[in-house]
N, C-alpha and C. Protein backbone atom coordinates (compact mmCIF):
# COMPACT_ATOMS: atom_id res chain seq x y z
N UNK A 1 87.57 66.49 148.41
CA UNK A 1 87.69 67.60 147.49
C UNK A 1 87.19 67.16 146.12
N UNK A 2 86.47 68.06 145.45
CA UNK A 2 86.00 67.72 144.11
C UNK A 2 85.89 68.98 143.26
N UNK A 3 85.94 68.76 141.98
CA UNK A 3 85.79 69.84 141.00
C UNK A 3 85.20 69.24 139.74
N UNK A 4 84.59 70.12 138.94
CA UNK A 4 84.06 69.66 137.65
C UNK A 4 84.39 70.70 136.59
N UNK A 5 84.48 70.22 135.39
CA UNK A 5 84.69 71.12 134.27
C UNK A 5 83.32 71.57 133.78
N UNK A 6 83.07 72.86 133.89
CA UNK A 6 81.79 73.44 133.48
C UNK A 6 81.70 73.44 131.96
N UNK A 7 82.81 73.75 131.30
CA UNK A 7 82.81 73.79 129.84
C UNK A 7 84.20 73.88 129.29
N UNK A 8 84.32 73.45 128.05
CA UNK A 8 85.56 73.57 127.29
C UNK A 8 85.17 74.23 125.98
N UNK A 9 85.82 75.36 125.68
CA UNK A 9 85.40 76.20 124.57
C UNK A 9 86.56 76.41 123.59
N UNK A 10 86.50 75.82 122.40
CA UNK A 10 87.57 76.03 121.42
C UNK A 10 87.60 77.49 120.96
N UNK A 11 88.81 77.99 120.77
CA UNK A 11 89.00 79.37 120.32
C UNK A 11 89.65 79.35 118.95
N UNK A 12 89.04 80.05 118.02
CA UNK A 12 89.60 80.16 116.68
C UNK A 12 89.71 81.63 116.34
N UNK A 13 90.78 81.98 115.69
CA UNK A 13 91.01 83.36 115.30
C UNK A 13 90.89 83.48 113.79
N UNK A 14 90.40 84.60 113.35
CA UNK A 14 90.25 84.83 111.91
C UNK A 14 91.61 85.15 111.29
N UNK A 15 91.68 85.01 109.99
CA UNK A 15 92.89 85.40 109.27
C UNK A 15 93.20 86.87 109.54
N UNK A 16 92.15 87.68 109.61
CA UNK A 16 92.33 89.11 109.86
C UNK A 16 92.97 89.35 111.23
N UNK A 17 92.57 88.56 112.24
CA UNK A 17 93.15 88.72 113.58
C UNK A 17 94.65 88.47 113.52
N UNK A 18 95.07 87.39 112.86
CA UNK A 18 96.50 87.08 112.76
C UNK A 18 97.24 88.16 111.99
N UNK A 19 96.67 88.63 110.91
CA UNK A 19 97.31 89.70 110.13
C UNK A 19 97.50 90.94 111.00
N UNK A 20 96.43 91.33 111.72
CA UNK A 20 96.49 92.51 112.60
C UNK A 20 97.53 92.32 113.70
N UNK A 21 97.52 91.13 114.33
CA UNK A 21 98.47 90.84 115.39
C UNK A 21 99.90 90.98 114.87
N UNK A 22 100.18 90.34 113.75
CA UNK A 22 101.53 90.36 113.21
C UNK A 22 101.95 91.78 112.86
N UNK A 23 101.09 92.54 112.26
CA UNK A 23 101.42 93.93 111.90
C UNK A 23 101.68 94.76 113.15
N UNK A 24 100.90 94.54 114.21
CA UNK A 24 101.04 95.32 115.45
C UNK A 24 102.24 94.93 116.29
N UNK A 25 102.63 93.65 116.27
CA UNK A 25 103.60 93.16 117.24
C UNK A 25 104.96 92.78 116.67
N UNK A 26 104.98 92.20 115.50
CA UNK A 26 106.23 91.69 114.95
C UNK A 26 106.97 92.78 114.19
N UNK A 27 108.28 92.87 114.44
CA UNK A 27 109.09 93.84 113.71
C UNK A 27 109.62 93.19 112.43
N UNK A 28 109.55 93.93 111.35
CA UNK A 28 109.97 93.40 110.06
C UNK A 28 111.12 94.22 109.48
N UNK A 29 111.91 93.55 108.67
CA UNK A 29 112.93 94.25 107.89
C UNK A 29 112.67 93.88 106.43
N UNK A 30 111.94 94.72 105.75
CA UNK A 30 111.55 94.40 104.38
C UNK A 30 111.94 95.55 103.46
N UNK A 31 112.15 95.18 102.22
CA UNK A 31 112.61 96.15 101.25
C UNK A 31 111.45 96.84 100.53
N UNK A 32 110.38 96.11 100.27
CA UNK A 32 109.27 96.70 99.53
C UNK A 32 107.94 96.12 100.01
N UNK A 33 106.86 96.63 99.46
CA UNK A 33 105.52 96.21 99.90
C UNK A 33 105.25 94.73 99.63
N UNK A 34 105.75 94.23 98.52
CA UNK A 34 105.54 92.81 98.20
C UNK A 34 106.25 91.92 99.23
N UNK A 35 107.48 92.26 99.56
CA UNK A 35 108.24 91.51 100.57
C UNK A 35 107.57 91.63 101.94
N UNK A 36 107.05 92.81 102.24
CA UNK A 36 106.35 93.04 103.52
C UNK A 36 105.12 92.14 103.62
N UNK A 37 104.32 92.09 102.56
CA UNK A 37 103.12 91.26 102.56
C UNK A 37 103.47 89.79 102.73
N UNK A 38 104.56 89.37 102.09
CA UNK A 38 105.01 87.98 102.20
C UNK A 38 105.45 87.65 103.63
N UNK A 39 106.22 88.55 104.24
CA UNK A 39 106.68 88.33 105.62
C UNK A 39 105.50 88.29 106.59
N UNK A 40 104.54 89.18 106.40
CA UNK A 40 103.36 89.21 107.27
C UNK A 40 102.59 87.90 107.15
N UNK A 41 102.40 87.43 105.93
CA UNK A 41 101.68 86.16 105.72
C UNK A 41 102.43 84.99 106.35
N UNK A 42 103.75 84.95 106.20
CA UNK A 42 104.55 83.87 106.78
C UNK A 42 104.47 83.89 108.31
N UNK A 43 104.61 85.07 108.90
CA UNK A 43 104.53 85.19 110.37
C UNK A 43 103.14 84.83 110.87
N UNK A 44 102.10 85.27 110.18
CA UNK A 44 100.73 84.96 110.59
C UNK A 44 100.53 83.45 110.58
N UNK A 45 101.04 82.76 109.59
CA UNK A 45 100.90 81.31 109.52
C UNK A 45 101.68 80.62 110.64
N UNK A 46 102.86 81.13 110.95
CA UNK A 46 103.66 80.56 112.04
C UNK A 46 102.91 80.70 113.37
N UNK A 47 102.33 81.86 113.60
CA UNK A 47 101.58 82.08 114.84
C UNK A 47 100.31 81.24 114.86
N UNK A 48 99.67 81.08 113.72
CA UNK A 48 98.46 80.26 113.66
C UNK A 48 98.78 78.82 114.08
N UNK A 49 99.93 78.30 113.67
CA UNK A 49 100.32 76.93 114.04
C UNK A 49 100.47 76.79 115.55
N UNK A 50 100.96 77.83 116.22
CA UNK A 50 101.15 77.73 117.67
C UNK A 50 99.82 77.88 118.43
N UNK A 51 98.76 78.29 117.74
CA UNK A 51 97.47 78.50 118.38
C UNK A 51 96.47 77.38 118.09
N UNK A 52 96.91 76.34 117.41
CA UNK A 52 96.01 75.22 117.15
C UNK A 52 95.57 74.62 118.48
N UNK A 53 94.31 74.25 118.55
CA UNK A 53 93.75 73.62 119.74
C UNK A 53 93.84 74.48 121.00
N UNK A 54 93.72 75.79 120.82
CA UNK A 54 93.60 76.70 121.96
C UNK A 54 92.15 76.64 122.46
N UNK A 55 91.98 76.45 123.75
CA UNK A 55 90.64 76.37 124.35
C UNK A 55 90.57 77.21 125.61
N UNK A 56 89.38 77.62 125.96
CA UNK A 56 89.10 78.15 127.29
C UNK A 56 88.47 77.00 128.05
N UNK A 57 88.95 76.78 129.26
CA UNK A 57 88.39 75.75 130.12
C UNK A 57 87.83 76.44 131.37
N UNK A 58 86.60 76.10 131.72
CA UNK A 58 85.94 76.68 132.89
C UNK A 58 85.74 75.57 133.92
N UNK A 59 86.17 75.84 135.16
CA UNK A 59 86.13 74.85 136.23
C UNK A 59 85.40 75.40 137.44
N UNK A 60 84.64 74.54 138.10
CA UNK A 60 83.99 74.87 139.36
C UNK A 60 84.41 73.84 140.40
N UNK A 61 84.81 74.31 141.60
CA UNK A 61 85.31 73.42 142.65
C UNK A 61 84.50 73.56 143.93
N UNK A 62 84.78 72.66 144.86
CA UNK A 62 84.07 72.69 146.14
C UNK A 62 84.73 73.60 147.17
N UNK A 63 85.77 74.29 146.77
CA UNK A 63 86.44 75.27 147.62
C UNK A 63 86.99 76.38 146.72
N UNK A 64 87.35 77.53 147.30
CA UNK A 64 87.92 78.58 146.45
C UNK A 64 89.17 78.09 145.70
N UNK A 65 89.26 78.48 144.45
CA UNK A 65 90.39 78.12 143.61
C UNK A 65 91.42 79.24 143.74
N UNK A 66 92.65 78.87 144.08
CA UNK A 66 93.70 79.86 144.33
C UNK A 66 94.64 79.97 143.13
N UNK A 67 95.43 81.02 143.13
CA UNK A 67 96.40 81.17 142.04
C UNK A 67 97.43 80.04 142.08
N UNK A 68 97.75 79.50 143.25
CA UNK A 68 98.69 78.38 143.30
C UNK A 68 98.10 77.10 142.69
N UNK A 69 96.77 76.99 142.68
CA UNK A 69 96.13 75.84 142.02
C UNK A 69 96.36 75.89 140.51
N UNK A 70 96.46 77.09 139.96
CA UNK A 70 96.49 77.23 138.50
C UNK A 70 97.66 76.49 137.86
N UNK A 71 98.82 76.51 138.48
CA UNK A 71 99.98 75.84 137.90
C UNK A 71 99.90 74.33 137.95
N UNK A 72 98.87 73.80 138.61
CA UNK A 72 98.72 72.36 138.73
C UNK A 72 97.84 71.76 137.64
N UNK A 73 97.12 72.60 136.89
CA UNK A 73 96.26 72.10 135.82
C UNK A 73 97.08 71.85 134.57
N UNK A 74 96.98 70.65 134.02
CA UNK A 74 97.68 70.28 132.80
C UNK A 74 97.02 69.03 132.23
N UNK A 75 97.29 68.74 130.98
CA UNK A 75 96.80 67.48 130.41
C UNK A 75 97.81 66.36 130.55
N UNK A 76 98.96 66.65 131.11
CA UNK A 76 99.96 65.61 131.36
C UNK A 76 99.70 64.98 132.72
N UNK A 77 99.60 63.66 132.77
CA UNK A 77 99.32 62.99 134.04
C UNK A 77 100.37 63.33 135.09
N UNK A 78 101.62 63.40 134.66
CA UNK A 78 102.71 63.84 135.52
C UNK A 78 103.23 65.13 134.90
N UNK A 79 103.11 66.24 135.63
CA UNK A 79 103.51 67.53 135.10
C UNK A 79 105.00 67.54 134.80
N UNK A 80 105.35 68.07 133.60
CA UNK A 80 106.73 68.18 133.17
C UNK A 80 107.10 69.65 133.04
N UNK A 81 108.37 69.93 132.82
CA UNK A 81 108.80 71.32 132.71
C UNK A 81 108.16 72.02 131.52
N UNK A 82 107.78 71.27 130.49
CA UNK A 82 107.18 71.89 129.30
C UNK A 82 105.68 71.63 129.18
N UNK A 83 105.04 71.20 130.26
CA UNK A 83 103.59 70.98 130.23
C UNK A 83 102.85 72.29 129.99
N UNK A 84 101.78 72.22 129.24
CA UNK A 84 100.92 73.38 129.06
C UNK A 84 100.13 73.60 130.34
N UNK A 85 100.11 74.84 130.82
CA UNK A 85 99.39 75.20 132.04
C UNK A 85 98.47 76.37 131.72
N UNK A 86 97.53 76.69 132.62
CA UNK A 86 96.60 77.78 132.36
C UNK A 86 97.30 79.10 132.04
N UNK A 87 96.63 79.86 131.19
CA UNK A 87 97.13 81.16 130.75
C UNK A 87 95.97 82.15 130.81
N UNK A 88 96.23 83.33 131.35
CA UNK A 88 95.26 84.42 131.43
C UNK A 88 93.98 83.99 132.16
N UNK A 89 94.14 83.40 133.34
CA UNK A 89 92.98 82.93 134.09
C UNK A 89 92.10 84.09 134.55
N UNK A 90 90.80 83.80 134.65
CA UNK A 90 89.80 84.76 135.09
C UNK A 90 88.92 84.05 136.11
N UNK A 91 88.82 84.65 137.31
CA UNK A 91 87.96 84.08 138.33
C UNK A 91 86.52 84.50 138.06
N UNK A 92 85.57 83.65 138.46
CA UNK A 92 84.17 83.83 138.09
C UNK A 92 83.30 83.82 139.36
N UNK A 93 82.32 84.73 139.41
CA UNK A 93 81.44 84.78 140.59
C UNK A 93 80.36 83.71 140.52
N UNK A 94 79.54 83.66 141.56
CA UNK A 94 78.49 82.63 141.64
C UNK A 94 77.47 82.70 140.51
N UNK A 95 77.31 83.89 139.93
CA UNK A 95 76.35 84.06 138.83
C UNK A 95 76.98 83.71 137.48
N UNK A 96 78.27 83.31 137.48
CA UNK A 96 78.92 82.94 136.24
C UNK A 96 79.58 84.09 135.50
N UNK A 97 79.70 85.26 136.16
CA UNK A 97 80.31 86.42 135.51
C UNK A 97 81.76 86.57 135.95
N UNK A 98 82.64 86.99 135.05
CA UNK A 98 84.05 87.18 135.40
C UNK A 98 84.24 88.26 136.45
N UNK A 99 85.20 88.03 137.35
CA UNK A 99 85.61 88.99 138.36
C UNK A 99 86.95 89.55 137.92
N UNK A 100 87.06 90.86 137.69
CA UNK A 100 88.37 91.41 137.31
C UNK A 100 89.39 91.09 138.41
N UNK A 101 90.55 90.60 138.01
CA UNK A 101 91.57 90.24 138.99
C UNK A 101 92.95 90.31 138.35
N UNK A 102 93.95 90.16 139.19
CA UNK A 102 95.32 90.07 138.71
C UNK A 102 95.75 91.28 137.92
N UNK A 103 96.25 91.05 136.71
CA UNK A 103 96.83 92.13 135.92
C UNK A 103 95.80 93.07 135.34
N UNK A 104 94.51 92.77 135.43
CA UNK A 104 93.51 93.65 134.84
C UNK A 104 92.64 94.34 135.89
N UNK A 105 93.09 94.35 137.15
CA UNK A 105 92.31 95.00 138.21
C UNK A 105 93.25 95.40 139.35
N UNK A 106 92.67 95.92 140.40
CA UNK A 106 93.45 96.35 141.55
C UNK A 106 93.61 95.27 142.62
N UNK A 107 93.20 94.03 142.32
CA UNK A 107 93.30 92.96 143.30
C UNK A 107 94.76 92.67 143.63
N UNK A 108 95.03 92.50 144.92
CA UNK A 108 96.37 92.11 145.36
C UNK A 108 96.43 90.61 145.65
N UNK A 109 95.27 89.96 145.71
CA UNK A 109 95.21 88.53 145.96
C UNK A 109 94.10 87.92 145.10
N UNK A 110 94.10 86.61 145.06
CA UNK A 110 93.10 85.89 144.28
C UNK A 110 91.70 86.10 144.87
N UNK A 111 90.70 86.41 144.05
CA UNK A 111 89.33 86.49 144.59
C UNK A 111 88.92 85.16 145.20
N UNK A 112 88.12 85.22 146.23
CA UNK A 112 87.65 83.99 146.91
C UNK A 112 86.40 83.49 146.19
N UNK A 113 86.60 82.65 145.20
CA UNK A 113 85.50 82.09 144.42
C UNK A 113 85.85 80.68 143.99
N UNK A 114 84.84 79.88 143.75
CA UNK A 114 85.03 78.47 143.41
C UNK A 114 85.07 78.21 141.91
N UNK A 115 85.05 79.28 141.10
CA UNK A 115 85.04 79.09 139.65
C UNK A 115 86.15 79.89 139.00
N UNK A 116 86.70 79.31 137.93
CA UNK A 116 87.74 79.98 137.18
C UNK A 116 87.65 79.53 135.72
N UNK A 117 88.08 80.40 134.82
CA UNK A 117 88.21 80.05 133.40
C UNK A 117 89.62 80.46 132.97
N UNK A 118 90.19 79.71 132.05
CA UNK A 118 91.54 80.03 131.60
C UNK A 118 91.76 79.48 130.19
N UNK A 119 92.73 80.06 129.52
CA UNK A 119 93.16 79.52 128.23
C UNK A 119 94.12 78.36 128.49
N UNK A 120 94.05 77.36 127.63
CA UNK A 120 95.02 76.28 127.65
C UNK A 120 95.38 75.99 126.19
N UNK A 121 96.67 76.05 125.90
CA UNK A 121 97.16 75.79 124.54
C UNK A 121 97.30 74.29 124.29
N UNK A 122 97.18 73.92 123.03
CA UNK A 122 97.42 72.56 122.56
C UNK A 122 96.55 71.52 123.28
N UNK A 123 95.29 71.86 123.51
CA UNK A 123 94.37 70.93 124.17
C UNK A 123 94.08 69.75 123.26
N UNK A 124 94.08 68.58 123.85
CA UNK A 124 93.67 67.36 123.17
C UNK A 124 92.35 66.97 123.82
N UNK A 125 91.21 67.31 123.17
CA UNK A 125 89.89 67.12 123.79
C UNK A 125 89.58 65.69 124.23
N UNK A 126 90.24 64.70 123.65
CA UNK A 126 89.99 63.32 124.05
C UNK A 126 90.74 62.94 125.33
N UNK A 127 91.69 63.78 125.77
CA UNK A 127 92.48 63.49 126.97
C UNK A 127 91.94 64.25 128.18
N UNK A 128 92.09 63.69 129.38
CA UNK A 128 91.60 64.36 130.58
C UNK A 128 92.49 65.54 130.98
N UNK A 129 91.99 66.32 131.91
CA UNK A 129 92.74 67.41 132.53
C UNK A 129 93.08 66.94 133.94
N UNK A 130 94.31 67.18 134.36
CA UNK A 130 94.73 66.83 135.72
C UNK A 130 94.93 68.12 136.49
N UNK A 131 94.65 68.07 137.78
CA UNK A 131 94.82 69.25 138.61
C UNK A 131 94.77 68.90 140.08
N UNK A 132 94.57 69.90 140.93
CA UNK A 132 94.57 69.67 142.38
C UNK A 132 93.50 68.67 142.82
N UNK A 133 92.48 68.47 142.01
CA UNK A 133 91.39 67.54 142.34
C UNK A 133 91.55 66.21 141.61
N UNK A 134 92.69 66.01 141.00
CA UNK A 134 92.92 64.75 140.30
C UNK A 134 92.51 64.84 138.84
N UNK A 135 92.17 63.70 138.29
CA UNK A 135 91.83 63.55 136.87
C UNK A 135 90.38 63.99 136.62
N UNK A 136 90.19 64.82 135.59
CA UNK A 136 88.85 65.28 135.20
C UNK A 136 88.69 65.07 133.70
N UNK A 137 87.66 64.33 133.32
CA UNK A 137 87.38 64.11 131.89
C UNK A 137 86.82 65.41 131.30
N UNK A 138 87.22 65.70 130.08
CA UNK A 138 86.72 66.90 129.40
C UNK A 138 85.36 66.61 128.78
N UNK A 139 84.41 67.53 128.96
CA UNK A 139 83.12 67.38 128.28
C UNK A 139 83.29 67.71 126.79
N UNK A 140 82.25 67.51 126.03
CA UNK A 140 82.29 67.89 124.61
C UNK A 140 82.47 69.40 124.50
N UNK A 141 83.29 69.86 123.56
CA UNK A 141 83.48 71.30 123.38
C UNK A 141 82.17 71.99 123.00
N UNK A 142 82.03 73.23 123.42
CA UNK A 142 80.87 74.04 123.07
C UNK A 142 81.33 75.48 122.85
N UNK A 143 80.42 76.32 122.40
CA UNK A 143 80.73 77.72 122.08
C UNK A 143 81.00 78.52 123.35
N UNK A 144 82.00 79.39 123.31
CA UNK A 144 82.34 80.26 124.44
C UNK A 144 81.15 81.13 124.80
N UNK A 145 80.69 81.08 126.06
CA UNK A 145 79.55 81.91 126.46
C UNK A 145 79.87 83.40 126.41
N UNK A 146 78.89 84.18 126.05
CA UNK A 146 79.07 85.64 125.98
C UNK A 146 79.58 86.21 127.29
N UNK A 147 79.12 85.67 128.41
CA UNK A 147 79.50 86.20 129.72
C UNK A 147 81.00 86.15 129.96
N UNK A 148 81.72 85.28 129.25
CA UNK A 148 83.16 85.16 129.43
C UNK A 148 83.96 85.98 128.42
N UNK A 149 83.34 86.41 127.36
CA UNK A 149 84.07 87.09 126.28
C UNK A 149 84.75 88.39 126.72
N UNK A 150 84.10 89.17 127.56
CA UNK A 150 84.60 90.50 127.90
C UNK A 150 85.99 90.48 128.54
N UNK A 151 86.23 89.57 129.47
CA UNK A 151 87.51 89.55 130.18
C UNK A 151 88.47 88.50 129.66
N UNK A 152 88.13 87.87 128.57
CA UNK A 152 89.01 86.86 128.01
C UNK A 152 89.57 87.29 126.65
N UNK A 153 89.98 88.54 126.56
CA UNK A 153 90.59 89.04 125.33
C UNK A 153 92.01 88.47 125.26
N UNK A 154 92.24 87.56 124.35
CA UNK A 154 93.49 86.84 124.28
C UNK A 154 94.67 87.76 123.95
N UNK A 155 95.77 87.55 124.67
CA UNK A 155 97.02 88.24 124.39
C UNK A 155 98.06 87.18 124.10
N UNK A 156 98.71 87.29 122.98
CA UNK A 156 99.69 86.31 122.58
C UNK A 156 100.87 86.31 123.55
N UNK A 157 101.30 85.13 124.08
CA UNK A 157 102.42 85.11 125.03
C UNK A 157 103.70 85.62 124.36
N UNK A 158 104.46 86.37 125.12
CA UNK A 158 105.74 86.87 124.58
C UNK A 158 106.92 86.25 125.27
């Protein structure tokens, strides 16, 4: 069995994205507009800290990648209860295009494909990724390909 990392893509969000997210999702108890602006800025900064080193990782394997494989990917050599694992995975067809699946499509099971992309929080690019195929060294980070952008609209974990 073998697999390779096709790419590792750092994700950065604009200040505007954090402001919009906080306004849309976080409930505030503020007395006036100045206090509201302060709370929004504080919450946006708190959320920004939790999103440091967020990356999309794309993997190709020698067999179809299943949903049960997903929980095995981590940067910890021995998976722990608090290990970071894939989030919002997207299966990819042979041409490199995302296949709608899971919560964003009518699929009842994992698509039968050998490629997947997923978010991973708190990535340390100098450390390997471990998974069902063992240890995989991370390549140099590069820009997220356009073909992956459509189905990788990040949703903050709740």
